[in-house]
C-alpha atoms as a PDB file:
ATOM      1  CA  UNK A   1      -0.033  -0.049  -0.162  1.00  0.00           C
ATOM      2  CA  UNK A   2       1.401   3.457  -0.740  1.00  0.00           C
ATOM      3  CA  UNK A   3       0.509   6.451   1.239  1.00  0.00           C
ATOM      4  CA  UNK A   4       0.157   9.636  -0.947  1.00  0.00           C
ATOM      5  CA  UNK A   5       1.176  12.615   0.246  1.00  0.00           C
ATOM      6  CA  UNK A   6      -1.658  15.800   0.266  1.00  0.00           C
ATOM      7  CA  UNK A   7      -0.590  17.146  -2.910  1.00  0.00           C
ATOM      8  CA  UNK A   8      -0.386  13.548  -4.684  1.00  0.00           C
ATOM      9  CA  UNK A   9      -3.627  12.358  -5.788  1.00  0.00           C
ATOM     10  CA  UNK A  10      -2.350   8.726  -6.979  1.00  0.00           C
ATOM     11  CA  UNK A  11       0.727   6.391  -6.807  1.00  0.00           C
ATOM     12  CA  UNK A  12      -0.205   5.242 -10.209  1.00  0.00           C
ATOM     13  CA  UNK A  13       2.889   7.251 -12.060  1.00  0.00           C
ATOM     14  CA  UNK A  14       5.554   5.566  -9.564  1.00  0.00           C
ATOM     15  CA  UNK A  15       3.901   2.086  -9.919  1.00  0.00           C
ATOM     16  CA  UNK A  16       3.468   2.501 -13.789  1.00  0.00           C
ATOM     17  CA  UNK A  17       7.282   3.580 -13.913  1.00  0.00           C
ATOM     18  CA  UNK A  18       8.261   0.417 -11.940  1.00  0.00           C
ATOM     19  CA  UNK A  19       6.142  -2.204 -13.998  1.00  0.00           C
ATOM     20  CA  UNK A  20       7.854  -0.836 -17.212  1.00  0.00           C
ATOM     21  CA  UNK A  21      11.313  -1.437 -15.443  1.00  0.00           C
ATOM     22  CA  UNK A  22      10.120  -4.701 -14.805  1.00  0.00           C
ATOM     23  CA  UNK A  23       8.396  -5.319 -18.315  1.00  0.00           C
ATOM     24  CA  UNK A  24       5.263  -6.379 -16.857  1.00  0.00           C
ATOM     25  CA  UNK A  25       1.969  -5.113 -17.613  1.00  0.00           C
ATOM     26  CA  UNK A  26      -0.106  -2.604 -15.373  1.00  0.00           C
ATOM     27  CA  UNK A  27      -3.792  -1.871 -14.388  1.00  0.00           C
ATOM     28  CA  UNK A  28      -5.124   0.765 -12.052  1.00  0.00           C
ATOM     29  CA  UNK A  29      -8.552   0.306 -10.092  1.00  0.00           C
ATOM     30  CA  UNK A  30     -10.190   3.539  -8.423  1.00  0.00           C
ATOM     31  CA  UNK A  31     -11.995   2.469  -5.435  1.00  0.00           C
ATOM     32  CA  UNK A  32     -14.806   4.496  -3.899  1.00  0.00           C
ATOM     33  CA  UNK A  33     -17.735   3.867  -1.522  1.00  0.00           C
ATOM     34  CA  UNK A  34     -19.687   2.548  -4.308  1.00  0.00           C
ATOM     35  CA  UNK A  35     -16.938   0.077  -5.902  1.00  0.00           C
ATOM     36  CA  UNK A  36     -18.851  -3.418  -6.574  1.00  0.00           C
ATOM     37  CA  UNK A  37     -17.258  -6.286  -5.176  1.00  0.00           C
ATOM     38  CA  UNK A  38     -17.703  -8.851  -7.627  1.00  0.00           C
ATOM     39  CA  UNK A  39     -16.133  -6.275 -10.336  1.00  0.00           C
ATOM     40  CA  UNK A  40     -13.001  -6.067  -8.071  1.00  0.00           C
ATOM     41  CA  UNK A  41     -12.255  -9.840  -7.802  1.00  0.00           C
ATOM     42  CA  UNK A  42     -12.749 -10.255 -11.252  1.00  0.00           C
ATOM     43  CA  UNK A  43     -10.329  -7.706 -11.811  1.00  0.00           C
ATOM     44  CA  UNK A  44      -8.260  -9.345  -9.254  1.00  0.00           C
ATOM     45  CA  UNK A  45      -8.632 -12.891 -10.561  1.00  0.00           C
ATOM     46  CA  UNK A  46      -8.179 -11.480 -14.087  1.00  0.00           C
ATOM     47  CA  UNK A  47      -4.808  -9.651 -13.702  1.00  0.00           C
ATOM     48  CA  UNK A  48      -3.234 -12.736 -11.230  1.00  0.00           C
ATOM     49  CA  UNK A  49      -4.009 -14.983 -14.299  1.00  0.00           C
ATOM     50  CA  UNK A  50      -2.522 -12.363 -16.774  1.00  0.00           C
ATOM     51  CA  UNK A  51       0.632 -11.718 -14.837  1.00  0.00           C
ATOM     52  CA  UNK A  52      -0.273  -8.203 -14.494  1.00  0.00           C
ATOM     53  CA  UNK A  53       0.404  -5.726 -11.526  1.00  0.00           C
ATOM     54  CA  UNK A  54      -2.704  -4.082 -10.170  1.00  0.00           C
ATOM     55  CA  UNK A  55      -3.062  -0.978  -7.980  1.00  0.00           C
ATOM     56  CA  UNK A  56      -5.917  -0.094  -5.846  1.00  0.00           C
ATOM     57  CA  UNK A  57      -5.992   3.406  -5.855  1.00  0.00           C
ATOM     58  CA  UNK A  58      -7.919   4.672  -2.413  1.00  0.00           C
ATOM     59  CA  UNK A  59      -8.703   1.698  -0.759  1.00  0.00           C
ATOM     60  CA  UNK A  60      -9.418   3.777   2.377  1.00  0.00           C
ATOM     61  CA  UNK A  61     -12.685   4.520   0.618  1.00  0.00           C
ATOM     62  CA  UNK A  62     -13.947   1.166   0.519  1.00  0.00           C
ATOM     63  CA  UNK A  63     -16.268  -0.327   3.154  1.00  0.00           C
ATOM     64  CA  UNK A  64     -15.193  -2.637   5.632  1.00  0.00           C
ATOM     65  CA  UNK A  65     -17.073  -5.453   3.910  1.00  0.00           C
ATOM     66  CA  UNK A  66     -15.414  -4.861   0.674  1.00  0.00           C
ATOM     67  CA  UNK A  67     -12.235  -4.283   2.015  1.00  0.00           C
ATOM     68  CA  UNK A  68     -12.183  -7.737   3.995  1.00  0.00           C
ATOM     69  CA  UNK A  69     -13.117  -9.350   0.690  1.00  0.00           C
ATOM     70  CA  UNK A  70     -10.476  -8.022  -1.072  1.00  0.00           C
ATOM     71  CA  UNK A  71      -7.955  -9.135   1.758  1.00  0.00           C
ATOM     72  CA  UNK A  72      -9.157 -12.630   1.805  1.00  0.00           C
ATOM     73  CA  UNK A  73      -9.051 -12.788  -1.899  1.00  0.00           C
ATOM     74  CA  UNK A  74      -5.562 -11.885  -1.973  1.00  0.00           C
ATOM     75  CA  UNK A  75      -4.316 -14.133   0.351  1.00  0.00           C
ATOM     76  CA  UNK A  76      -6.026 -17.029  -1.487  1.00  0.00           C
ATOM     77  CA  UNK A  77      -3.814 -15.752  -4.386  1.00  0.00           C
ATOM     78  CA  UNK A  78      -1.071 -15.465  -2.710  1.00  0.00           C
ATOM     79  CA  UNK A  79      -0.894 -19.172  -1.239  1.00  0.00           C
END
């Protein structure tokens, strides 16, 4: 998780540059209070199968239930 400063709205530039250095594809998902769990998990599973880096921007906007599901999905993918 990347903590942005007050004058930065996004960490996309940093992660994009790293992905280009590593020759990896990259995808950004903007999280909001209305983010859909199924859409986020589909992105997550698709990126894991495609060997793509994924950046969830503004995860602090997600409600607790959605954040819990994402963390559990990430744990399953890590195993």
